[in-house]
Full PDB file with SEQRES, HELIX, SHEET, SSBOND, CRYST1, ORIGX, SCALE, CONECT and MASTER records, all heavy atoms in Angstrom:
SEQRES   1 A   38  LEU ALA VAL LEU ASP ARG VAL GLY LEU SER ILE TYR GLN          
SEQRES   2 A   38  PHE GLU ALA ALA PRO THR ARG SER ASP THR ALA THR ALA          
SEQRES   3 A   38  GLN ASP ALA GLY ARG GLN ALA GLU LEU ALA THR ARG              
SHEET    1 AA1 3 ALA A   2  LEU A   4  0                                        
SHEET    2 AA1 3 LEU A   9  PHE A  14 -1                                        
SHEET    3 AA1 3 ALA A  33  THR A  37 -1                                        
CRYST1    1.000    1.000    1.000  90.00  90.00  90.00 P 1           1          
ORIGX1      1.000000  0.000000  0.000000        0.00000                         
ORIGX2      0.000000  1.000000  0.000000        0.00000                         
ORIGX3      0.000000  0.000000  1.000000        0.00000                         
SCALE1      1.000000  0.000000  0.000000        0.00000                         
SCALE2      0.000000  1.000000  0.000000        0.00000                         
SCALE3      0.000000  0.000000  1.000000        0.00000                         
ATOM      1  N   LEU A   1      14.185   0.743   3.542  1.00  0.00           N  
ATOM      2  CA  LEU A   1      15.177  -0.071   2.843  1.00  0.00           C  
ATOM      3  C   LEU A   1      15.865   0.765   1.777  1.00  0.00           C  
ATOM      4  O   LEU A   1      15.208   1.378   0.935  1.00  0.00           O  
ATOM      5  CB  LEU A   1      14.509  -1.281   2.189  1.00  0.00           C  
ATOM      6  CG  LEU A   1      15.390  -2.134   1.261  1.00  0.00           C  
ATOM      7  CD1 LEU A   1      16.537  -2.766   2.041  1.00  0.00           C  
ATOM      8  CD2 LEU A   1      14.558  -3.192   0.560  1.00  0.00           C  
ATOM      9  N   ALA A   2      17.195   0.782   1.823  1.00  0.00           N  
ATOM     10  CA  ALA A   2      18.002   1.452   0.804  1.00  0.00           C  
ATOM     11  C   ALA A   2      18.631   0.393  -0.091  1.00  0.00           C  
ATOM     12  O   ALA A   2      19.189  -0.591   0.396  1.00  0.00           O  
ATOM     13  CB  ALA A   2      19.094   2.296   1.468  1.00  0.00           C  
ATOM     14  N   VAL A   3      18.520   0.591  -1.409  1.00  0.00           N  
ATOM     15  CA  VAL A   3      19.056  -0.350  -2.389  1.00  0.00           C  
ATOM     16  C   VAL A   3      19.929   0.424  -3.375  1.00  0.00           C  
ATOM     17  O   VAL A   3      19.497   1.423  -3.945  1.00  0.00           O  
ATOM     18  CB  VAL A   3      17.940  -1.082  -3.158  1.00  0.00           C  
ATOM     19  CG1 VAL A   3      18.539  -2.110  -4.113  1.00  0.00           C  
ATOM     20  CG2 VAL A   3      16.961  -1.750  -2.189  1.00  0.00           C  
ATOM     21  N   LEU A   4      21.128  -0.066  -3.583  1.00  0.00           N  
ATOM     22  CA  LEU A   4      22.080   0.599  -4.468  1.00  0.00           C  
ATOM     23  C   LEU A   4      22.205  -0.153  -5.780  1.00  0.00           C  
ATOM     24  O   LEU A   4      22.114  -1.387  -5.829  1.00  0.00           O  
ATOM     25  CB  LEU A   4      23.445   0.648  -3.787  1.00  0.00           C  
ATOM     26  CG  LEU A   4      24.521   1.571  -4.390  1.00  0.00           C  
ATOM     27  CD1 LEU A   4      24.117   3.029  -4.256  1.00  0.00           C  
ATOM     28  CD2 LEU A   4      25.854   1.331  -3.678  1.00  0.00           C  
ATOM     29  N   ASP A   5      22.367   0.602  -6.866  1.00  0.00           N  
ATOM     30  CA  ASP A   5      22.764   0.011  -8.135  1.00  0.00           C  
ATOM     31  C   ASP A   5      23.776   0.934  -8.791  1.00  0.00           C  
ATOM     32  O   ASP A   5      24.245   1.896  -8.179  1.00  0.00           O  
ATOM     33  CB  ASP A   5      21.562  -0.282  -9.039  1.00  0.00           C  
ATOM     34  CG  ASP A   5      20.787   0.972  -9.445  1.00  0.00           C  
ATOM     35  OD1 ASP A   5      21.337   2.090  -9.349  1.00  0.00           O  
ATOM     36  OD2 ASP A   5      19.630   0.835  -9.863  1.00  0.00           O  
ATOM     37  N   ARG A   6      24.135   0.650 -10.042  1.00  0.00           N  
ATOM     38  CA  ARG A   6      25.161   1.441 -10.714  1.00  0.00           C  
ATOM     39  C   ARG A   6      24.648   2.778 -11.213  1.00  0.00           C  
ATOM     40  O   ARG A   6      25.411   3.574 -11.752  1.00  0.00           O  
ATOM     41  CB  ARG A   6      25.736   0.642 -11.884  1.00  0.00           C  
ATOM     42  CG  ARG A   6      26.372  -0.665 -11.484  1.00  0.00           C  
ATOM     43  CD  ARG A   6      27.627  -0.464 -10.675  1.00  0.00           C  
ATOM     44  NE  ARG A   6      28.681   0.168 -11.442  1.00  0.00           N  
ATOM     45  CZ  ARG A   6      29.825   0.610 -10.940  1.00  0.00           C  
ATOM     46  NH1 ARG A   6      30.029   0.514  -9.646  1.00  0.00           N  
ATOM     47  NH2 ARG A   6      30.736   1.157 -11.696  1.00  0.00           N  
ATOM     48  N   VAL A   7      23.380   3.029 -11.031  1.00  0.00           N  
ATOM     49  CA  VAL A   7      22.785   4.278 -11.492  1.00  0.00           C  
ATOM     50  C   VAL A   7      22.416   5.181 -10.324  1.00  0.00           C  
ATOM     51  O   VAL A   7      22.540   6.397 -10.407  1.00  0.00           O  
ATOM     52  CB  VAL A   7      21.535   4.000 -12.360  1.00  0.00           C  
ATOM     53  CG1 VAL A   7      20.891   5.297 -12.810  1.00  0.00           C  
ATOM     54  CG2 VAL A   7      21.918   3.146 -13.569  1.00  0.00           C  
ATOM     55  N   GLY A   8      21.967   4.610  -9.237  1.00  0.00           N  
ATOM     56  CA  GLY A   8      21.549   5.459  -8.147  1.00  0.00           C  
ATOM     57  C   GLY A   8      21.158   4.684  -6.910  1.00  0.00           C  
ATOM     58  O   GLY A   8      21.471   3.504  -6.747  1.00  0.00           O  
ATOM     59  N   LEU A   9      20.460   5.375  -6.046  1.00  0.00           N  
ATOM     60  CA  LEU A   9      20.049   4.855  -4.753  1.00  0.00           C  
ATOM     61  C   LEU A   9      18.537   4.954  -4.642  1.00  0.00           C  
ATOM     62  O   LEU A   9      17.962   6.021  -4.859  1.00  0.00           O  
ATOM     63  CB  LEU A   9      20.705   5.664  -3.637  1.00  0.00           C  
ATOM     64  CG  LEU A   9      20.370   5.289  -2.197  1.00  0.00           C  
ATOM     65  CD1 LEU A   9      20.995   3.950  -1.849  1.00  0.00           C  
ATOM     66  CD2 LEU A   9      20.874   6.374  -1.248  1.00  0.00           C  
ATOM     67  N   SER A  10      17.884   3.850  -4.322  1.00  0.00           N  
ATOM     68  CA  SER A  10      16.440   3.816  -4.154  1.00  0.00           C  
ATOM     69  C   SER A  10      16.106   3.570  -2.692  1.00  0.00           C  
ATOM     70  O   SER A  10      16.748   2.757  -2.025  1.00  0.00           O  
ATOM     71  CB  SER A  10      15.816   2.708  -5.011  1.00  0.00           C  
ATOM     72  OG  SER A  10      16.037   2.941  -6.379  1.00  0.00           O  
ATOM     73  N   ILE A  11      15.096   4.261  -2.195  1.00  0.00           N  
ATOM     74  CA  ILE A  11      14.617   4.080  -0.832  1.00  0.00           C  
ATOM     75  C   ILE A  11      13.181   3.573  -0.897  1.00  0.00           C  
ATOM     76  O   ILE A  11      12.340   4.152  -1.589  1.00  0.00           O  
ATOM     77  CB  ILE A  11      14.651   5.397  -0.034  1.00  0.00           C  
ATOM     78  CG1 ILE A  11      16.046   6.007  -0.051  1.00  0.00           C  
ATOM     79  CG2 ILE A  11      14.178   5.159   1.397  1.00  0.00           C  
ATOM     80  CD1 ILE A  11      17.093   5.199   0.665  1.00  0.00           C  
ATOM     81  N   TYR A  12      12.904   2.482  -0.181  1.00  0.00           N  
ATOM     82  CA  TYR A  12      11.576   1.872  -0.187  1.00  0.00           C  
ATOM     83  C   TYR A  12      10.990   1.880   1.212  1.00  0.00           C  
ATOM     84  O   TYR A  12      11.699   1.707   2.207  1.00  0.00           O  
ATOM     85  CB  TYR A  12      11.646   0.419  -0.674  1.00  0.00           C  
ATOM     86  CG  TYR A  12      12.056   0.273  -2.109  1.00  0.00           C  
ATOM     87  CD1 TYR A  12      13.398   0.155  -2.457  1.00  0.00           C  
ATOM     88  CD2 TYR A  12      11.107   0.252  -3.124  1.00  0.00           C  
ATOM     89  CE1 TYR A  12      13.782   0.010  -3.778  1.00  0.00           C  
ATOM     90  CE2 TYR A  12      11.486   0.107  -4.449  1.00  0.00           C  
ATOM     91  CZ  TYR A  12      12.821  -0.005  -4.771  1.00  0.00           C  
ATOM     92  OH  TYR A  12      13.210  -0.140  -6.082  1.00  0.00           O  
ATOM     93  N   GLN A  13       9.669   2.082   1.272  1.00  0.00           N  
ATOM     94  CA  GLN A  13       8.946   1.826   2.505  1.00  0.00           C  
ATOM     95  C   GLN A  13       7.854   0.807   2.206  1.00  0.00           C  
ATOM     96  O   GLN A  13       7.385   0.698   1.070  1.00  0.00           O  
ATOM     97  CB  GLN A  13       8.367   3.102   3.097  1.00  0.00           C  
ATOM     98  CG  GLN A  13       7.288   3.784   2.278  1.00  0.00           C  
ATOM     99  CD  GLN A  13       6.821   5.065   2.926  1.00  0.00           C  
ATOM    100  OE1 GLN A  13       7.618   5.961   3.196  1.00  0.00           O  
ATOM    101  NE2 GLN A  13       5.526   5.146   3.186  1.00  0.00           N  
ATOM    102  N   PHE A  14       7.463   0.058   3.229  1.00  0.00           N  
ATOM    103  CA  PHE A  14       6.563  -1.068   3.050  1.00  0.00           C  
ATOM    104  C   PHE A  14       5.294  -0.871   3.866  1.00  0.00           C  
ATOM    105  O   PHE A  14       5.291  -0.207   4.900  1.00  0.00           O  
ATOM    106  CB  PHE A  14       7.252  -2.373   3.476  1.00  0.00           C  
ATOM    107  CG  PHE A  14       8.344  -2.804   2.545  1.00  0.00           C  
ATOM    108  CD1 PHE A  14       9.579  -2.174   2.570  1.00  0.00           C  
ATOM    109  CD2 PHE A  14       8.140  -3.823   1.638  1.00  0.00           C  
ATOM    110  CE1 PHE A  14      10.592  -2.558   1.710  1.00  0.00           C  
ATOM    111  CE2 PHE A  14       9.146  -4.212   0.767  1.00  0.00           C  
ATOM    112  CZ  PHE A  14      10.367  -3.584   0.801  1.00  0.00           C  
ATOM    113  N   GLU A  15       4.231  -1.486   3.366  1.00  0.00           N  
ATOM    114  CA  GLU A  15       3.001  -1.508   4.129  1.00  0.00           C  
ATOM    115  C   GLU A  15       3.216  -2.216   5.459  1.00  0.00           C  
ATOM    116  O   GLU A  15       4.079  -3.088   5.583  1.00  0.00           O  
ATOM    117  CB  GLU A  15       1.904  -2.262   3.357  1.00  0.00           C  
ATOM    118  CG  GLU A  15       1.414  -1.553   2.111  1.00  0.00           C  
ATOM    119  CD  GLU A  15       0.361  -2.378   1.397  1.00  0.00           C  
ATOM    120  OE1 GLU A  15       0.151  -3.539   1.808  1.00  0.00           O  
ATOM    121  OE2 GLU A  15      -0.232  -1.872   0.449  1.00  0.00           O  
ATOM    122  N   ALA A  16       2.404  -1.856   6.433  1.00  0.00           N  
ATOM    123  CA  ALA A  16       2.443  -2.581   7.695  1.00  0.00           C  
ATOM    124  C   ALA A  16       1.954  -4.000   7.487  1.00  0.00           C  
ATOM    125  O   ALA A  16       1.189  -4.295   6.565  1.00  0.00           O  
ATOM    126  CB  ALA A  16       1.571  -1.874   8.730  1.00  0.00           C  
ATOM    127  N   ALA A  17       2.395  -4.901   8.364  1.00  0.00           N  
ATOM    128  CA  ALA A  17       1.984  -6.292   8.259  1.00  0.00           C  
ATOM    129  C   ALA A  17       0.482  -6.412   8.466  1.00  0.00           C  
ATOM    130  O   ALA A  17      -0.110  -5.695   9.266  1.00  0.00           O  
ATOM    131  CB  ALA A  17       2.707  -7.126   9.312  1.00  0.00           C  
ATOM    132  N   PRO A  18      -0.161  -7.325   7.761  1.00  0.00           N  
ATOM    133  CA  PRO A  18      -1.579  -7.561   7.997  1.00  0.00           C  
ATOM    134  C   PRO A  18      -1.800  -8.131   9.391  1.00  0.00           C  
ATOM    135  O   PRO A  18      -0.898  -8.719   9.986  1.00  0.00           O  
ATOM    136  CB  PRO A  18      -1.954  -8.588   6.921  1.00  0.00           C  
ATOM    137  CG  PRO A  18      -0.677  -9.266   6.583  1.00  0.00           C  
ATOM    138  CD  PRO A  18       0.384  -8.214   6.727  1.00  0.00           C  
ATOM    139  N   THR A  19      -3.006  -7.929   9.913  1.00  0.00           N  
ATOM    140  CA  THR A  19      -3.329  -8.444  11.237  1.00  0.00           C  
ATOM    141  C   THR A  19      -3.207  -9.957  11.255  1.00  0.00           C  
ATOM    142  O   THR A  19      -3.698 -10.651  10.376  1.00  0.00           O  
ATOM    143  CB  THR A  19      -4.751  -8.040  11.635  1.00  0.00           C  
ATOM    144  OG1 THR A  19      -4.855  -6.621  11.595  1.00  0.00           O  
ATOM    145  CG2 THR A  19      -5.083  -8.539  13.035  1.00  0.00           C  
ATOM    146  N   ARG A  20      -2.538 -10.479  12.297  1.00  0.00           N  
ATOM    147  CA  ARG A  20      -2.325 -11.916  12.400  1.00  0.00           C  
ATOM    148  C   ARG A  20      -3.323 -12.525  13.383  1.00  0.00           C  
ATOM    149  O   ARG A  20      -3.730 -11.898  14.351  1.00  0.00           O  
ATOM    150  CB  ARG A  20      -0.928 -12.229  12.943  1.00  0.00           C  
ATOM    151  CG  ARG A  20       0.206 -11.835  12.054  1.00  0.00           C  
ATOM    152  CD  ARG A  20       1.495 -12.138  12.806  1.00  0.00           C  
ATOM    153  NE  ARG A  20       2.655 -11.738  12.047  1.00  0.00           N  
ATOM    154  CZ  ARG A  20       3.236 -12.484  11.133  1.00  0.00           C  
ATOM    155  NH1 ARG A  20       2.754 -13.650  10.850  1.00  0.00           N  
ATOM    156  NH2 ARG A  20       4.302 -12.052  10.493  1.00  0.00           N  
ATOM    157  N   SER A  21      -3.688 -13.750  13.184  1.00  0.00           N  
ATOM    158  CA  SER A  21      -4.351 -14.513  14.230  1.00  0.00           C  
ATOM    159  C   SER A  21      -3.286 -15.095  15.137  1.00  0.00           C  
ATOM    160  O   SER A  21      -2.102 -15.142  14.791  1.00  0.00           O  
ATOM    161  CB  SER A  21      -5.182 -15.647  13.620  1.00  0.00           C  
ATOM    162  OG  SER A  21      -4.327 -16.627  13.062  1.00  0.00           O  
ATOM    163  N   ASP A  22      -3.668 -15.515  16.315  1.00  0.00           N  
ATOM    164  CA  ASP A  22      -2.697 -16.058  17.259  1.00  0.00           C  
ATOM    165  C   ASP A  22      -2.014 -17.304  16.727  1.00  0.00           C  
ATOM    166  O   ASP A  22      -0.928 -17.663  17.175  1.00  0.00           O  
ATOM    167  CB  ASP A  22      -3.385 -16.378  18.584  1.00  0.00           C  
ATOM    168  CG  ASP A  22      -3.807 -15.119  19.319  1.00  0.00           C  
ATOM    169  OD1 ASP A  22      -3.267 -14.045  19.005  1.00  0.00           O  
ATOM    170  OD2 ASP A  22      -4.688 -15.238  20.191  1.00  0.00           O  
ATOM    171  N   THR A  23      -2.660 -17.974  15.786  1.00  0.00           N  
ATOM    172  CA  THR A  23      -2.080 -19.220  15.276  1.00  0.00           C  
ATOM    173  C   THR A  23      -1.371 -19.034  13.953  1.00  0.00           C  
ATOM    174  O   THR A  23      -0.897 -19.994  13.366  1.00  0.00           O  
ATOM    175  CB  THR A  23      -3.194 -20.272  15.097  1.00  0.00           C  
ATOM    176  OG1 THR A  23      -4.186 -19.760  14.194  1.00  0.00           O  
ATOM    177  CG2 THR A  23      -3.852 -20.582  16.443  1.00  0.00           C  
ATOM    178  N   ALA A  24      -1.311 -17.777  13.462  1.00  0.00           N  
ATOM    179  CA  ALA A  24      -0.664 -17.547  12.167  1.00  0.00           C  
ATOM    180  C   ALA A  24       0.813 -17.902  12.255  1.00  0.00           C  
ATOM    181  O   ALA A  24       1.480 -17.574  13.214  1.00  0.00           O  
ATOM    182  CB  ALA A  24      -0.822 -16.095  11.744  1.00  0.00           C  
ATOM    183  N   THR A  25       1.294 -18.583  11.233  1.00  0.00           N  
ATOM    184  CA  THR A  25       2.704 -18.972  11.212  1.00  0.00           C  
ATOM    185  C   THR A  25       3.423 -18.481   9.969  1.00  0.00           C  
ATOM    186  O   THR A  25       4.608 -18.698   9.818  1.00  0.00           O  
ATOM    187  CB  THR A  25       2.850 -20.502  11.272  1.00  0.00           C  
ATOM    188  OG1 THR A  25       2.159 -21.087  10.171  1.00  0.00           O  
ATOM    189  CG2 THR A  25       2.290 -21.036  12.574  1.00  0.00           C  
ATOM    190  N   ALA A  26       2.706 -17.832   9.070  1.00  0.00           N  
ATOM    191  CA  ALA A  26       3.353 -17.317   7.862  1.00  0.00           C  
ATOM    192  C   ALA A  26       2.641 -16.048   7.438  1.00  0.00           C  
ATOM    193  O   ALA A  26       1.524 -15.763   7.862  1.00  0.00           O  
ATOM    194  CB  ALA A  26       3.300 -18.349   6.729  1.00  0.00           C  
ATOM    195  N   GLN A  27       3.298 -15.264   6.611  1.00  0.00           N  
ATOM    196  CA  GLN A  27       2.698 -14.026   6.150  1.00  0.00           C  
ATOM    197  C   GLN A  27       1.485 -14.311   5.277  1.00  0.00           C  
ATOM    198  O   GLN A  27       1.399 -15.346   4.623  1.00  0.00           O  
ATOM    199  CB  GLN A  27       3.727 -13.217   5.341  1.00  0.00           C  
ATOM    200  CG  GLN A  27       4.976 -12.877   6.113  1.00  0.00           C  
ATOM    201  CD  GLN A  27       4.729 -11.841   7.208  1.00  0.00           C  
ATOM    202  OE1 GLN A  27       3.598 -11.428   7.423  1.00  0.00           O  
ATOM    203  NE2 GLN A  27       5.769 -11.447   7.896  1.00  0.00           N  
ATOM    204  N   ASP A  28       0.550 -13.380   5.287  1.00  0.00           N  
ATOM    205  CA  ASP A  28      -0.557 -13.452   4.352  1.00  0.00           C  
ATOM    206  C   ASP A  28      -0.047 -12.972   3.001  1.00  0.00           C  
ATOM    207  O   ASP A  28       1.089 -13.229   2.643  1.00  0.00           O  
ATOM    208  CB  ASP A  28      -1.718 -12.591   4.858  1.00  0.00           C  
ATOM    209  CG  ASP A  28      -2.246 -13.116   6.187  1.00  0.00           C  
ATOM    210  OD1 ASP A  28      -2.189 -14.350   6.396  1.00  0.00           O  
ATOM    211  OD2 ASP A  28      -2.682 -12.302   6.991  1.00  0.00           O  
ATOM    212  N   ALA A  29      -0.831 -12.233   2.263  1.00  0.00           N  
ATOM    213  CA  ALA A  29      -0.374 -11.746   0.961  1.00  0.00           C  
ATOM    214  C   ALA A  29       0.881 -10.902   1.137  1.00  0.00           C  
ATOM    215  O   ALA A  29       1.089 -10.277   2.169  1.00  0.00           O  
ATOM    216  CB  ALA A  29      -1.473 -10.923   0.314  1.00  0.00           C  
ATOM    217  N   GLY A  30       1.732 -10.891   0.103  1.00  0.00           N  
ATOM    218  CA  GLY A  30       2.989 -10.158   0.176  1.00  0.00           C  
ATOM    219  C   GLY A  30       2.778  -8.681   0.417  1.00  0.00           C  
ATOM    220  O   GLY A  30       1.814  -8.081  -0.033  1.00  0.00           O  
ATOM    221  N   ARG A  31       3.676  -8.062   1.177  1.00  0.00           N  
ATOM    222  CA  ARG A  31       3.588  -6.628   1.421  1.00  0.00           C  
ATOM    223  C   ARG A  31       3.790  -5.858   0.122  1.00  0.00           C  
ATOM    224  O   ARG A  31       4.525  -6.294  -0.756  1.00  0.00           O  
ATOM    225  CB  ARG A  31       4.668  -6.197   2.408  1.00  0.00           C  
ATOM    226  CG  ARG A  31       4.729  -7.006   3.667  1.00  0.00           C  
ATOM    227  CD  ARG A  31       3.502  -6.751   4.556  1.00  0.00           C  
ATOM    228  NE  ARG A  31       3.622  -7.602   5.719  1.00  0.00           N  
ATOM    229  CZ  ARG A  31       3.148  -8.831   5.773  1.00  0.00           C  
ATOM    230  NH1 ARG A  31       2.502  -9.346   4.745  1.00  0.00           N  
ATOM    231  NH2 ARG A  31       3.315  -9.554   6.854  1.00  0.00           N  
ATOM    232  N   GLN A  32       3.203  -4.707   0.048  1.00  0.00           N  
ATOM    233  CA  GLN A  32       3.467  -3.811  -1.071  1.00  0.00           C  
ATOM    234  C   GLN A  32       4.658  -2.927  -0.732  1.00  0.00           C  
ATOM    235  O   GLN A  32       4.772  -2.418   0.381  1.00  0.00           O  
ATOM    236  CB  GLN A  32       2.242  -2.933  -1.361  1.00  0.00           C  
ATOM    237  CG  GLN A  32       1.068  -3.691  -1.946  1.00  0.00           C  
ATOM    238  CD  GLN A  32       1.351  -4.162  -3.360  1.00  0.00           C  
ATOM    239  OE1 GLN A  32       1.833  -3.415  -4.193  1.00  0.00           O  
ATOM    240  NE2 GLN A  32       1.061  -5.418  -3.624  1.00  0.00           N  
ATOM    241  N   ALA A  33       5.541  -2.763  -1.667  1.00  0.00           N  
ATOM    242  CA  ALA A  33       6.683  -1.878  -1.501  1.00  0.00           C  
ATOM    243  C   ALA A  33       6.431  -0.606  -2.282  1.00  0.00           C  
ATOM    244  O   ALA A  33       6.059  -0.655  -3.454  1.00  0.00           O  
ATOM    245  CB  ALA A  33       7.951  -2.547  -2.003  1.00  0.00           C  
ATOM    246  N   GLU A  34       6.606   0.532  -1.649  1.00  0.00           N  
ATOM    247  CA  GLU A  34       6.460   1.804  -2.333  1.00  0.00           C  
ATOM    248  C   GLU A  34       7.829   2.441  -2.491  1.00  0.00           C  
ATOM    249  O   GLU A  34       8.619   2.483  -1.548  1.00  0.00           O  
ATOM    250  CB  GLU A  34       5.531   2.722  -1.542  1.00  0.00           C  
ATOM    251  CG  GLU A  34       4.092   2.221  -1.477  1.00  0.00           C  
ATOM    252  CD  GLU A  34       3.170   3.205  -0.794  1.00  0.00           C  
ATOM    253  OE1 GLU A  34       3.678   4.068  -0.054  1.00  0.00           O  
ATOM    254  OE2 GLU A  34       1.958   3.116  -1.006  1.00  0.00           O  
ATOM    255  N   LEU A  35       8.116   2.899  -3.679  1.00  0.00           N  
ATOM    256  CA  LEU A  35       9.372   3.604  -3.926  1.00  0.00           C  
ATOM    257  C   LEU A  35       9.233   4.996  -3.340  1.00  0.00           C  
ATOM    258  O   LEU A  35       8.589   5.868  -3.909  1.00  0.00           O  
ATOM    259  CB  LEU A  35       9.657   3.667  -5.424  1.00  0.00           C  
ATOM    260  CG  LEU A  35      10.916   4.423  -5.839  1.00  0.00           C  
ATOM    261  CD1 LEU A  35      12.154   3.780  -5.218  1.00  0.00           C  
ATOM    262  CD2 LEU A  35      11.047   4.442  -7.359  1.00  0.00           C  
ATOM    263  N   ALA A  36       9.804   5.183  -2.157  1.00  0.00           N  
ATOM    264  CA  ALA A  36       9.673   6.466  -1.479  1.00  0.00           C  
ATOM    265  C   ALA A  36      10.431   7.565  -2.218  1.00  0.00           C  
ATOM    266  O   ALA A  36       9.962   8.686  -2.341  1.00  0.00           O  
ATOM    267  CB  ALA A  36      10.185   6.347  -0.044  1.00  0.00           C  
ATOM    268  N   THR A  37      11.588   7.241  -2.728  1.00  0.00           N  
ATOM    269  CA  THR A  37      12.361   8.211  -3.489  1.00  0.00           C  
ATOM    270  C   THR A  37      13.507   7.496  -4.194  1.00  0.00           C  
ATOM    271  O   THR A  37      13.879   6.386  -3.831  1.00  0.00           O  
ATOM    272  CB  THR A  37      12.938   9.315  -2.588  1.00  0.00           C  
ATOM    273  OG1 THR A  37      13.568  10.314  -3.382  1.00  0.00           O  
ATOM    274  CG2 THR A  37      13.939   8.766  -1.607  1.00  0.00           C  
ATOM    275  N   ARG A  38      14.030   8.105  -5.213  1.00  0.00           N  
ATOM    276  CA  ARG A  38      15.207   7.582  -5.905  1.00  0.00           C  
ATOM    277  C   ARG A  38      16.111   8.732  -6.267  1.00  0.00           C  
ATOM    278  O   ARG A  38      15.654   9.756  -6.781  1.00  0.00           O  
ATOM    279  CB  ARG A  38      14.824   6.801  -7.160  1.00  0.00           C  
ATOM    280  CG  ARG A  38      16.040   6.271  -7.926  1.00  0.00           C  
ATOM    281  CD  ARG A  38      15.637   5.302  -9.017  1.00  0.00           C  
ATOM    282  NE  ARG A  38      16.764   4.909  -9.833  1.00  0.00           N  
ATOM    283  CZ  ARG A  38      17.646   3.969  -9.507  1.00  0.00           C  
ATOM    284  NH1 ARG A  38      17.517   3.330  -8.368  1.00  0.00           N  
ATOM    285  NH2 ARG A  38      18.638   3.648 -10.303  1.00  0.00           N  
TER     286      ARG A  38                                                      
MASTER        0    0    0    0    3    0    0    6  285    1    0    3          
END                                                                             
């Protein structure tokens, strides 16, 4: 994910999704976003 602001450009990568059960209908805990570079 690339995000722009008036100062610069940030690139984020995210953790992989947690393992789902076959009946899962929503995400578990929120993914962690890591600032890969700015």
